[in-house]
Amino acid sequence: MKNRNYVALLMFALFAWSCEPEAKWIDNNIKVEMSVETLSAAFVQCKFSTNKEAYYLIAIEPARENFDPMKQQKQFMMLALDSANLEYLQWRNQLLREGEFNIAPFSSHALQYGDVTHVFTGLYPNTDYWIYTFAVNPETLEPNSNLYLYPIRTSEKTTVDVRFDYRIKGTWDYIYPLDSNDNVVSYFPYVATTRDSLEIVASGVDDPISYFIILLMEQFTSPNPKYTYYGVKAVHNDGIASHLVFENGHTYYTGIGGMDGNLKQFALYKFVWNDSIDTYFNDEYPTNLLREEDGWWHVFD
């Protein structure tokens, strides 16, 4: 009888011990709120906030059938943290290889704090996604709140009307994504680059439009996220930390394309460099003459 009581007591202790960690990592007083501000074909802009000071993780992934993360919250959140930590270690390892030894900790690199507006990009049109968030203990890197999950479905076509304005001042060039009221659109993803006409000729591509459409699509699909820009983009073309140096008498093209499901609002500019230019430039090929048909861009007279 004593042995039975001992076994029962041991089983109760093990059960209590297994429940204790869950009580530690959950803080029911922390709540993370989210609102969708802009939803389009390939991106969603969201605003996050907490009811009290806390670090928290935000992420998005395609929705899955026959699986409910809310029924397996702890496992889902731990896997999400593992994924975020793996990306952090890869980033830190790369910096160390490059000789950078002042590395930001996981909490400040991979987690959010305070009110945050974030744009998730690279999404597919007309597709279901889960946006999720939860508080994280920055010392133990364990979940510190319940899981908050928000289902969305991207639109079939772009919902944002954006045009691009371009100018050069000195050796700086600037790109402005603007709405119909000429306000800068800070959340719209786009890619852009300026190239010497000699480089375009050397590439073997017949015309600048085809050259830039191929180049911009390659940049957008590159795994390196630095190719995607938001808001006003400025580049100093003086050879310092830039891939291009303006040379007198050379002809240059700047290609710009919004990336909302596909290449949108494509614009192409052309100019000849003579020491300094301080004016706006119109499209050599106005965007209203460009049409997308069957996934290809065409120039119409």
Foldseek 3Di string as FASTA:
>chain_A
DVVVVVVVVVVVVVVVVVCVVVVVQADAQKDKDKDWDDFAFFKTKMKIFIPDWFKKAKDKDFDDPPDDCLVVVQVVQVVVLVVLVVVLVVVVVVCVVVVNDPHDDSRVPGIDTGMDMDMDGRHHGQGKMKIKMFTADSVVRGTRHTIDIDIDTGHNHGPADWAWWWWFFQQKIKIATAGPVRDGFFRFKKFKDKDWVVVVVVVVDDDPVVVVLVVRVVLVPDPDVVRIHGGMDMDRQCPPVDPHHQDAQIKMKMWMFTDRNGTPNIFMFIDGDHRGDGDTTHGPQHSVQWDADPNDIDGHD
